[in-house]
N, C-alpha and C. Protein backbone atom coordinates (compact mmCIF):
# COMPACT_ATOMS: atom_id res chain seq x y z
N UNK A 1 79.52 83.19 163.91
CA UNK A 1 79.32 84.07 163.05
C UNK A 1 78.69 83.07 161.81
N UNK A 2 77.63 83.40 160.72
CA UNK A 2 77.46 82.64 160.13
C UNK A 2 77.19 82.84 159.19
N UNK A 3 76.88 82.69 157.79
CA UNK A 3 77.51 82.16 156.21
C UNK A 3 76.81 83.85 155.54
N UNK A 4 75.82 83.82 156.14
CA UNK A 4 75.44 85.05 155.66
C UNK A 4 76.45 86.08 156.27
N UNK A 5 76.26 86.86 156.65
CA UNK A 5 77.81 87.22 157.88
C UNK A 5 78.97 87.61 157.23
N UNK A 6 79.72 86.38 157.15
CA UNK A 6 80.68 86.85 156.47
C UNK A 6 80.59 87.05 155.11
N UNK A 7 79.68 86.68 153.95
CA UNK A 7 79.16 86.84 152.68
C UNK A 7 78.73 89.20 152.63
N UNK A 8 77.56 88.95 154.22
CA UNK A 8 77.66 90.37 154.13
C UNK A 8 79.09 91.06 154.09
N UNK A 9 79.72 91.24 154.94
CA UNK A 9 81.06 91.37 155.32
C UNK A 9 82.30 91.68 153.58
N UNK A 10 82.15 90.34 153.40
CA UNK A 10 82.61 90.26 151.89
C UNK A 10 82.00 91.61 150.74
N UNK A 11 80.56 91.33 151.24
CA UNK A 11 79.96 92.36 149.87
C UNK A 11 80.50 93.98 150.57
N UNK A 12 80.67 94.17 152.06
CA UNK A 12 80.45 95.37 152.66
C UNK A 12 81.88 95.74 151.82
N UNK A 13 83.06 94.69 151.83
CA UNK A 13 84.37 95.12 152.10
C UNK A 13 83.81 95.56 150.06
N UNK A 14 83.55 94.15 149.66
CA UNK A 14 83.77 94.66 148.20
C UNK A 14 82.39 95.98 148.12
N UNK A 15 82.19 96.43 148.00
CA UNK A 15 81.41 97.97 147.95
C UNK A 15 82.21 98.52 148.30
N UNK A 16 82.63 98.78 149.10
CA UNK A 16 83.82 100.01 149.76
C UNK A 16 84.64 100.24 148.88
N UNK A 17 85.26 98.56 148.31
CA UNK A 17 86.39 98.92 147.28
C UNK A 17 86.06 99.74 146.16
N UNK A 18 84.49 98.92 145.90
CA UNK A 18 84.08 99.54 144.51
C UNK A 18 83.65 101.17 144.56
N UNK A 19 83.27 101.41 145.58
CA UNK A 19 83.43 102.64 146.02
C UNK A 19 84.41 103.56 145.28
N UNK A 20 85.62 102.91 146.58
CA UNK A 20 86.63 103.47 145.91
C UNK A 20 87.52 103.64 144.68
N UNK A 21 87.09 102.00 144.14
CA UNK A 21 87.93 102.40 142.61
C UNK A 21 86.87 103.46 141.75
N UNK A 22 85.99 103.28 142.10
CA UNK A 22 84.28 103.98 141.36
C UNK A 22 85.50 106.36 141.90
N UNK A 23 85.85 105.99 142.43
CA UNK A 23 86.12 107.56 142.54
C UNK A 23 87.42 108.16 142.76
N UNK A 24 88.29 106.83 143.22
CA UNK A 24 89.32 106.75 141.85
C UNK A 24 89.04 107.02 140.25
N UNK A 25 88.88 106.47 140.14
CA UNK A 25 88.09 106.28 138.28
C UNK A 25 87.47 107.94 138.26
N UNK A 26 86.84 107.96 138.89
CA UNK A 26 85.57 109.20 138.00
C UNK A 26 87.39 110.53 138.80
N UNK A 27 88.31 110.67 139.86
CA UNK A 27 88.84 111.05 140.02
C UNK A 27 90.02 111.44 139.02
N UNK A 28 90.74 110.57 137.82
CA UNK A 28 91.26 110.58 137.03
C UNK A 28 90.60 110.59 135.59
N UNK A 29 88.81 110.70 135.99
CA UNK A 29 88.39 110.76 133.94
C UNK A 29 87.88 112.75 134.57
N UNK A 30 88.15 113.06 135.56
CA UNK A 30 87.62 114.31 136.01
C UNK A 30 89.29 114.79 135.56
N UNK A 31 90.23 114.23 135.88
CA UNK A 31 91.63 115.22 136.31
C UNK A 31 92.62 114.94 134.23
N UNK A 32 91.92 113.80 133.61
CA UNK A 32 92.00 113.57 132.22
C UNK A 32 91.30 114.69 131.50
N UNK A 33 89.83 115.30 131.56
CA UNK A 33 89.16 115.66 131.37
C UNK A 33 89.32 117.57 131.58
N UNK A 34 90.00 117.53 132.38
CA UNK A 34 90.40 119.06 132.72
C UNK A 34 91.28 119.26 132.20
N UNK A 35 92.75 118.12 131.79
CA UNK A 35 94.07 118.46 131.08
C UNK A 35 93.68 118.29 129.42
N UNK A 36 92.77 117.81 129.03
CA UNK A 36 92.22 117.59 127.54
C UNK A 36 91.43 119.43 127.56
N UNK A 37 90.87 119.67 127.98
CA UNK A 37 90.27 121.32 128.11
C UNK A 37 90.67 121.96 128.34
N UNK A 38 92.06 122.17 129.28
CA UNK A 38 93.00 122.68 128.86
C UNK A 38 94.09 123.13 127.85
N UNK A 39 94.23 121.56 127.53
CA UNK A 39 94.81 121.21 125.59
C UNK A 39 94.46 121.97 124.54
N UNK A 40 93.40 121.88 124.78
CA UNK A 40 91.79 122.62 123.74
C UNK A 40 91.99 124.05 124.29
N UNK A 41 91.79 124.74 124.99
CA UNK A 41 92.00 126.28 125.26
C UNK A 41 93.88 126.21 125.06
N UNK A 42 94.63 125.75 125.12
CA UNK A 42 96.00 126.20 124.68
C UNK A 42 95.98 125.73 123.04
N UNK A 43 95.61 124.71 122.40
CA UNK A 43 95.50 125.08 120.77
C UNK A 43 94.81 125.66 120.73
N UNK A 44 93.11 126.44 120.78
CA UNK A 44 92.34 126.96 120.28
C UNK A 44 93.52 128.47 120.35
N UNK A 45 93.72 128.56 121.79
CA UNK A 45 94.77 129.90 122.00
C UNK A 45 95.27 130.26 120.67
N UNK A 46 96.62 129.03 120.60
CA UNK A 46 97.59 129.31 119.57
C UNK A 46 96.91 129.49 118.01
N UNK A 47 95.75 128.60 117.39
CA UNK A 47 95.13 128.80 116.57
C UNK A 47 94.74 129.84 116.16
N UNK A 48 94.18 130.79 117.77
CA UNK A 48 93.66 132.13 116.74
C UNK A 48 94.33 132.91 117.00
N UNK A 49 95.63 132.61 117.30
CA UNK A 49 96.94 133.89 117.53
C UNK A 49 97.29 133.60 116.37
N UNK A 50 97.66 132.16 115.49
CA UNK A 50 98.08 132.30 114.10
C UNK A 50 97.39 132.86 113.20
N UNK A 51 95.29 132.56 113.21
CA UNK A 51 94.47 133.38 112.41
C UNK A 51 95.17 134.27 112.64
N UNK A 52 94.66 135.04 113.64
CA UNK A 52 95.18 135.99 114.07
C UNK A 52 96.62 137.34 113.16
N UNK A 53 97.50 136.60 113.24
CA UNK A 53 98.26 136.88 112.42
C UNK A 53 98.12 136.44 111.13
N UNK A 54 98.01 135.72 110.51
CA UNK A 54 97.45 135.68 109.04
C UNK A 54 96.38 136.45 108.37
N UNK A 55 95.76 136.77 109.37
CA UNK A 55 94.73 138.12 109.25
C UNK A 55 95.89 139.37 108.74
N UNK A 56 96.17 139.83 110.43
CA UNK A 56 96.98 140.44 109.58
C UNK A 56 98.52 140.49 108.58
N UNK A 57 98.76 140.52 108.28
CA UNK A 57 99.44 139.71 107.39
C UNK A 57 99.48 139.81 105.65
N UNK A 58 97.67 139.20 105.95
CA UNK A 58 96.61 139.04 104.65
C UNK A 58 96.59 140.93 104.42
N UNK A 59 95.87 141.15 105.23
CA UNK A 59 95.28 142.72 105.22
C UNK A 59 96.18 143.07 104.95
N UNK A 60 97.82 143.71 105.18
CA UNK A 60 99.36 144.17 105.17
C UNK A 60 99.16 144.06 103.75
N UNK A 61 99.93 142.62 103.28
CA UNK A 61 99.44 142.36 101.82
C UNK A 61 98.81 143.14 100.94
N UNK A 62 97.49 143.18 101.75
CA UNK A 62 95.98 144.29 100.29
C UNK A 62 96.51 145.27 100.72
N UNK A 63 96.59 146.04 101.17
CA UNK A 63 96.55 147.11 101.62
C UNK A 63 98.13 147.73 100.63
N UNK A 64 99.13 147.10 100.86
CA UNK A 64 100.56 147.36 99.93
C UNK A 64 99.76 147.08 98.23
N UNK A 65 99.30 146.15 98.52
CA UNK A 65 98.47 145.39 96.75
C UNK A 65 97.92 146.60 96.11
N UNK A 66 96.85 147.50 96.67
CA UNK A 66 96.69 148.11 96.59
C UNK A 66 96.68 149.27 96.57
N UNK A 67 98.55 149.31 97.40
CA UNK A 67 98.74 150.76 97.42
C UNK A 67 99.57 151.54 96.17
N UNK A 68 100.52 150.15 95.39
CA UNK A 68 101.00 149.73 94.44
C UNK A 68 100.53 149.87 93.52
N UNK A 69 98.89 149.07 93.13
CA UNK A 69 98.13 149.57 92.28
C UNK A 69 97.57 151.14 91.94
N UNK A 70 97.65 151.66 93.23
CA UNK A 70 96.59 153.45 93.02
C UNK A 70 98.40 153.96 92.54
N UNK A 71 99.47 153.66 93.29
CA UNK A 71 100.48 154.44 92.21
C UNK A 71 100.93 153.94 90.71
N UNK A 72 101.16 152.42 90.60
CA UNK A 72 100.96 152.69 89.55
C UNK A 72 99.85 152.79 88.27
N UNK A 73 98.85 153.22 88.10
CA UNK A 73 97.58 154.21 87.91
C UNK A 73 97.93 155.49 87.80
N UNK A 74 98.45 155.75 89.15
CA UNK A 74 99.02 157.31 89.13
C UNK A 74 99.55 157.76 87.80
N UNK A 75 101.10 156.43 87.71
CA UNK A 75 102.10 156.86 87.20
C UNK A 75 101.54 156.63 85.57
N UNK A 76 100.66 155.86 85.87
CA UNK A 76 100.47 155.70 84.04
C UNK A 76 99.75 156.61 83.45
N UNK A 77 98.85 157.06 84.98
CA UNK A 77 97.73 158.78 84.50
C UNK A 77 99.24 159.27 84.55
N UNK A 78 99.77 160.25 84.81
CA UNK A 78 101.42 161.53 84.64
C UNK A 78 102.04 160.52 83.56
N UNK A 79 102.16 159.58 82.92
CA UNK A 79 102.65 159.71 81.26
C UNK A 79 101.89 159.29 80.51
N UNK A 80 100.71 159.82 80.74
CA UNK A 80 99.72 159.61 79.64
C UNK A 80 99.77 161.31 79.02
N UNK A 81 99.69 162.34 79.91
CA UNK A 81 99.52 163.61 80.31
C UNK A 81 101.04 163.76 80.13
N UNK A 82 102.52 163.36 79.92
CA UNK A 82 103.22 164.38 79.51
C UNK A 82 103.74 163.48 77.88
N UNK A 83 102.76 162.44 77.65
CA UNK A 83 103.04 162.66 76.07
C UNK A 83 102.61 162.39 75.21
N UNK A 84 100.77 163.67 76.07
CA UNK A 84 100.45 163.97 75.58
C UNK A 84 101.11 165.81 75.51
N UNK A 85 101.36 165.46 76.72
CA UNK A 85 102.38 167.19 76.16
C UNK A 85 103.22 167.04 75.20
N UNK A 86 104.15 165.75 75.09
CA UNK A 86 105.09 165.39 74.22
C UNK A 86 104.76 165.73 72.81
N UNK A 87 103.77 165.65 72.75
CA UNK A 87 102.83 164.96 71.33
C UNK A 87 102.48 166.68 70.84
N UNK A 88 101.77 167.37 71.72
CA UNK A 88 101.42 169.30 71.59
C UNK A 88 102.88 169.30 70.75
N UNK A 89 103.70 169.40 72.42
CA UNK A 89 105.26 170.31 71.76
C UNK A 89 105.05 169.72 70.51
N UNK A 90 105.40 168.40 69.88
CA UNK A 90 105.79 168.19 68.02
C UNK A 90 104.89 168.68 67.55
N UNK A 91 103.68 169.03 68.03
CA UNK A 91 102.47 169.65 67.12
C UNK A 91 103.07 171.83 66.70
N UNK A 92 103.17 171.72 68.26
CA UNK A 92 103.81 173.44 67.85
C UNK A 92 104.98 173.86 67.64
N UNK A 93 105.83 171.87 67.58
CA UNK A 93 106.84 172.95 66.32
C UNK A 93 106.79 172.87 65.12
N UNK A 94 106.04 171.69 64.80
CA UNK A 94 105.48 171.65 63.45
C UNK A 94 104.91 173.06 62.59
N UNK A 95 104.42 173.73 63.48
CA UNK A 95 103.18 175.10 63.43
C UNK A 95 103.95 176.52 63.57
N UNK A 96 105.17 175.91 63.44
CA UNK A 96 105.85 177.33 63.77
C UNK A 96 106.09 178.46 63.06
N UNK A 97 105.41 179.81 63.03
CA UNK A 97 105.68 180.62 61.93
C UNK A 97 106.52 180.62 61.08
N UNK A 98 107.09 180.69 59.96
CA UNK A 98 107.83 180.26 59.39
C UNK A 98 108.83 181.51 59.44
N UNK A 99 108.74 182.65 60.06
CA UNK A 99 109.94 183.46 60.49
C UNK A 99 110.43 182.92 61.65
N UNK A 100 109.63 182.60 62.94
CA UNK A 100 110.42 181.67 63.51
C UNK A 100 111.56 180.39 63.49
N UNK A 101 110.64 179.83 62.46
CA UNK A 101 111.80 178.70 61.45
C UNK A 101 112.72 179.28 61.24
N UNK A 102 112.72 180.24 60.52
CA UNK A 102 113.96 180.71 60.15
C UNK A 102 114.65 181.13 60.99
N UNK A 103 114.49 181.40 62.23
CA UNK A 103 115.39 182.73 63.15
C UNK A 103 115.95 181.00 63.63
N UNK A 104 115.55 180.01 63.81
CA UNK A 104 115.95 179.03 64.34
C UNK A 104 116.85 178.00 63.74
N UNK A 105 116.25 178.10 62.16
CA UNK A 105 117.10 177.06 61.28
C UNK A 105 118.85 178.63 61.36
N UNK A 106 118.53 179.41 60.67
CA UNK A 106 119.97 180.36 60.71
C UNK A 106 120.55 180.56 61.68
N UNK A 107 120.24 180.68 63.35
CA UNK A 107 120.91 180.05 64.64
C UNK A 107 121.88 179.13 64.26
N UNK A 108 120.98 177.76 64.28
CA UNK A 108 121.73 176.61 64.30
C UNK A 108 122.65 176.68 62.80
N UNK A 109 122.57 177.24 61.47
CA UNK A 109 123.21 176.83 60.57
C UNK A 109 124.47 177.85 61.56
N UNK A 110 124.34 179.09 61.66
CA UNK A 110 125.44 179.70 61.59
C UNK A 110 126.59 179.27 63.10
N UNK A 111 125.93 178.27 63.81
CA UNK A 111 127.10 178.24 64.93
C UNK A 111 127.29 176.95 64.50
N UNK A 112 127.10 176.24 63.44
CA UNK A 112 127.86 175.10 63.39
C UNK A 112 127.90 174.72 61.88
N UNK A 113 127.73 174.96 60.93
CA UNK A 113 127.81 174.83 59.28
C UNK A 113 129.38 174.81 59.53
N UNK A 114 130.59 175.36 60.22
CA UNK A 114 131.93 175.65 60.57
C UNK A 114 132.46 174.25 60.58
N UNK A 115 131.85 173.02 60.87
CA UNK A 115 131.94 171.71 60.83
C UNK A 115 131.73 170.65 59.99
N UNK A 116 130.90 170.97 59.33
CA UNK A 116 130.38 170.21 57.92
C UNK A 116 130.73 170.57 56.78
N UNK A 117 130.38 169.99 55.49
CA UNK A 117 130.66 170.72 54.13
C UNK A 117 129.14 170.26 53.38
N UNK A 118 128.29 169.09 54.15
CA UNK A 118 126.85 168.96 53.48
C UNK A 118 126.00 169.07 54.47
N UNK A 119 124.06 169.37 53.96
CA UNK A 119 123.67 169.37 55.05
C UNK A 119 122.66 169.14 54.57
N UNK A 120 121.30 168.41 55.14
CA UNK A 120 120.16 168.36 54.76
C UNK A 120 118.84 169.10 55.77
N UNK A 121 117.61 168.46 55.39
CA UNK A 121 116.70 169.38 56.32
C UNK A 121 115.84 168.39 55.60
N UNK A 122 114.17 168.38 56.35
CA UNK A 122 113.50 168.02 55.28
C UNK A 122 112.70 168.85 54.84
N UNK A 123 111.63 168.39 53.95
CA UNK A 123 110.67 168.99 52.31
C UNK A 123 110.57 170.34 52.68
N UNK A 124 110.18 170.68 53.91
CA UNK A 124 109.29 171.87 53.71
C UNK A 124 110.60 172.88 54.26
N UNK A 125 111.14 172.81 54.23
CA UNK A 125 112.65 173.68 54.79
C UNK A 125 113.97 173.94 53.21
N UNK A 126 114.13 172.78 52.88
CA UNK A 126 114.08 172.61 51.44
C UNK A 126 115.40 174.09 51.34
N UNK A 127 114.33 175.16 50.40
CA UNK A 127 114.43 176.35 50.17
C UNK A 127 115.17 177.32 51.56
N UNK A 128 114.71 177.33 52.04
CA UNK A 128 115.40 178.16 53.48
C UNK A 128 116.66 177.78 53.77
N UNK A 129 117.00 176.60 53.87
CA UNK A 129 118.63 176.34 54.26
C UNK A 129 119.51 176.10 52.93
N UNK A 130 118.80 175.98 51.62
CA UNK A 130 120.25 176.22 50.76
C UNK A 130 119.76 177.98 50.55
N UNK A 131 119.06 178.86 51.51
CA UNK A 131 119.51 180.51 51.04
C UNK A 131 120.23 180.73 52.13
N UNK A 132 119.95 179.96 53.21
CA UNK A 132 120.89 179.86 54.78
C UNK A 132 122.22 179.63 54.56
N UNK A 133 122.66 178.01 54.37
CA UNK A 133 123.98 178.12 54.38
C UNK A 133 124.23 177.64 52.75
N UNK A 134 126.05 178.09 53.05
CA UNK A 134 127.00 177.75 51.80
C UNK A 134 127.50 175.98 51.95
N UNK A 135 126.33 175.40 52.34
CA UNK A 135 127.28 174.16 53.08
C UNK A 135 126.59 173.31 51.29
N UNK A 136 126.95 172.27 50.57
CA UNK A 136 125.90 171.79 49.99
C UNK A 136 125.16 171.29 50.33
N UNK A 137 124.48 171.03 49.89
CA UNK A 137 122.31 170.83 50.22
C UNK A 137 122.31 168.56 49.91
N UNK A 138 122.18 168.43 50.30
CA UNK A 138 122.77 166.22 50.20
C UNK A 138 121.46 166.13 50.46
N UNK A 139 119.98 166.49 50.43
CA UNK A 139 119.02 165.82 50.50
C UNK A 139 118.33 165.93 51.31
N UNK A 140 116.95 165.40 51.50
CA UNK A 140 115.77 165.06 52.61
C UNK A 140 116.15 164.55 53.50
N UNK A 141 115.49 164.62 54.90
CA UNK A 141 115.56 163.95 56.01
C UNK A 141 114.15 163.53 56.48
N UNK A 142 113.86 163.06 56.55
CA UNK A 142 112.26 162.69 57.69
C UNK A 142 112.04 163.38 59.55
N UNK A 143 111.93 164.24 59.24
CA UNK A 143 111.79 165.37 60.67
C UNK A 143 111.10 166.36 60.89
N UNK A 144 111.50 166.84 62.04
CA UNK A 144 110.19 167.65 61.89
C UNK A 144 110.29 169.39 61.89
N UNK A 145 111.41 168.89 61.37
CA UNK A 145 112.37 170.67 61.80
C UNK A 145 113.46 170.60 61.81
N UNK A 146 114.75 171.61 61.21
CA UNK A 146 116.12 171.38 61.77
C UNK A 146 116.70 171.03 60.61
N UNK A 147 118.36 170.76 60.81
CA UNK A 147 119.18 170.26 59.91
C UNK A 147 120.39 169.04 60.71
N UNK A 148 121.24 168.14 59.11
CA UNK A 148 122.05 168.05 59.61
C UNK A 148 122.99 168.35 59.45
N UNK A 149 123.82 167.77 59.79
CA UNK A 149 125.09 168.33 59.25
C UNK A 149 126.30 167.62 59.49
N UNK A 150 126.90 167.30 58.21
CA UNK A 150 127.95 165.67 57.84
C UNK A 150 129.73 166.78 57.38
N UNK A 151 130.22 165.96 57.96
CA UNK A 151 131.46 166.18 57.33
C UNK A 151 131.59 165.79 55.81
N UNK A 152 132.73 166.14 55.05
CA UNK A 152 133.29 165.87 53.62
C UNK A 152 132.88 163.95 53.33
N UNK A 153 133.40 163.44 54.10
CA UNK A 153 133.42 161.96 54.04
C UNK A 153 132.28 161.62 54.37
N UNK A 154 131.66 161.65 55.32
CA UNK A 154 130.16 161.33 56.12
C UNK A 154 130.55 160.63 57.20
N UNK A 155 131.90 160.82 57.53
CA UNK A 155 132.47 160.28 59.31
C UNK A 155 131.36 160.67 60.47
N UNK A 156 131.20 161.96 60.26
CA UNK A 156 130.64 163.42 61.25
C UNK A 156 129.81 163.73 61.18
N UNK A 157 128.65 162.87 62.04
CA UNK A 157 127.33 163.84 61.18
C UNK A 157 126.69 164.61 62.66
N UNK A 158 126.96 165.50 62.53
CA UNK A 158 125.69 166.34 63.71
C UNK A 158 124.34 166.62 63.21
N UNK A 159 123.79 166.05 64.15
CA UNK A 159 122.21 166.10 63.88
C UNK A 159 121.61 167.15 64.98
N UNK A 160 120.70 168.16 64.33
CA UNK A 160 119.96 169.44 65.10
C UNK A 160 118.63 169.46 64.79
N UNK A 161 118.46 168.10 64.20
CA UNK A 161 117.04 167.78 63.87
C UNK A 161 116.21 168.39 65.03
N UNK A 162 115.13 169.24 64.77
CA UNK A 162 113.70 170.06 66.16
C UNK A 162 113.42 168.81 66.77
N UNK A 163 113.29 167.23 66.59
CA UNK A 163 112.93 166.22 66.77
C UNK A 163 113.63 165.45 67.64
N UNK A 164 115.65 165.12 67.70
CA UNK A 164 116.76 165.30 68.44
C UNK A 164 116.64 166.38 69.79
N UNK A 165 116.42 167.41 68.76
CA UNK A 165 116.47 168.41 70.80
C UNK A 165 115.27 168.08 70.86
N UNK A 166 114.33 167.98 70.97
CA UNK A 166 112.98 168.30 71.37
C UNK A 166 113.42 166.95 72.29
N UNK A 167 113.76 165.54 71.91
CA UNK A 167 114.55 164.11 72.55
C UNK A 167 114.65 164.20 73.87
N UNK A 168 116.08 165.18 73.14
CA UNK A 168 117.41 165.34 74.53
C UNK A 168 116.92 165.77 75.12
N UNK A 169 115.92 167.68 75.18
CA UNK A 169 115.51 168.30 76.43
C UNK A 169 113.96 167.47 76.82
N UNK A 170 113.59 166.54 76.54
CA UNK A 170 112.59 165.78 76.77
C UNK A 170 113.36 164.95 78.44
N UNK A 171 114.06 163.75 77.54
CA UNK A 171 115.00 163.21 78.43
C UNK A 171 115.37 163.55 79.60
N UNK A 172 116.40 165.06 79.09
CA UNK A 172 116.74 165.77 80.46
C UNK A 172 116.08 166.44 81.42
N UNK A 173 115.19 166.79 80.79
CA UNK A 173 113.83 168.33 81.74
C UNK A 173 113.02 166.93 82.15
N UNK A 174 112.96 166.36 81.80
CA UNK A 174 111.78 164.88 82.24
C UNK A 174 110.98 165.30 84.10
N UNK A 175 112.07 164.89 84.72
CA UNK A 175 112.50 165.65 86.44
C UNK A 175 111.42 167.25 86.55
N UNK A 176 111.96 168.21 86.13
CA UNK A 176 111.01 168.68 85.83
C UNK A 176 110.15 169.40 85.46
N UNK A 177 109.27 168.46 84.01
CA UNK A 177 108.74 169.21 83.63
C UNK A 177 107.91 168.64 84.70
N UNK A 178 107.82 167.18 85.06
CA UNK A 178 106.88 166.30 86.09
C UNK A 178 106.65 167.24 87.81
N UNK A 179 107.67 167.92 87.99
CA UNK A 179 107.01 168.40 88.85
C UNK A 179 106.94 169.85 88.68
N UNK A 180 106.46 170.46 87.75
CA UNK A 180 105.15 171.59 87.30
C UNK A 180 104.19 170.88 86.80
N UNK A 181 104.05 169.66 86.18
CA UNK A 181 102.73 169.51 86.27
C UNK A 181 101.94 169.17 87.42
N UNK A 182 102.95 167.82 87.90
CA UNK A 182 102.19 167.71 89.18
C UNK A 182 102.65 167.62 89.92
N UNK A 183 103.57 168.68 90.63
CA UNK A 183 104.01 169.45 91.91
C UNK A 183 105.02 168.39 92.54
């Protein structure tokens, strides 16, 4: 065997070994790339699921926020209507015909004057209250109508002003009023 044959055999063995190593390297690179692709798909899937969940949460928050704003707007509108009804009620009471006012004052005074010694009213009702009551007229008060009755030493004060009666009626009947107006 000549030197050339030995060199050729060594070269063949080296080429075979290089091809084998290259094949193994290609297989390993392919395996690494497949694993990286699988990891990338998993990461993308996980992120996609998270993004979809985040979108659902944001959408739900926006819907809840919008519903809350609608409710707040409706409640504000209802409050405006109720305030307007209350204001109109005050105006109606202020504009009561004198006969109706006299009738109401007489009913209040007849029922409660036995509980007191002094009586107060607004300036407009002063003459009428003096005429209807046997109590000492103690002065004028700022109200839309009605009377305040006090005992002798001013320790007990019964407020039957239309303002207080209307406020009490308003507070106690707010739900019914709201149901009538808004269903």
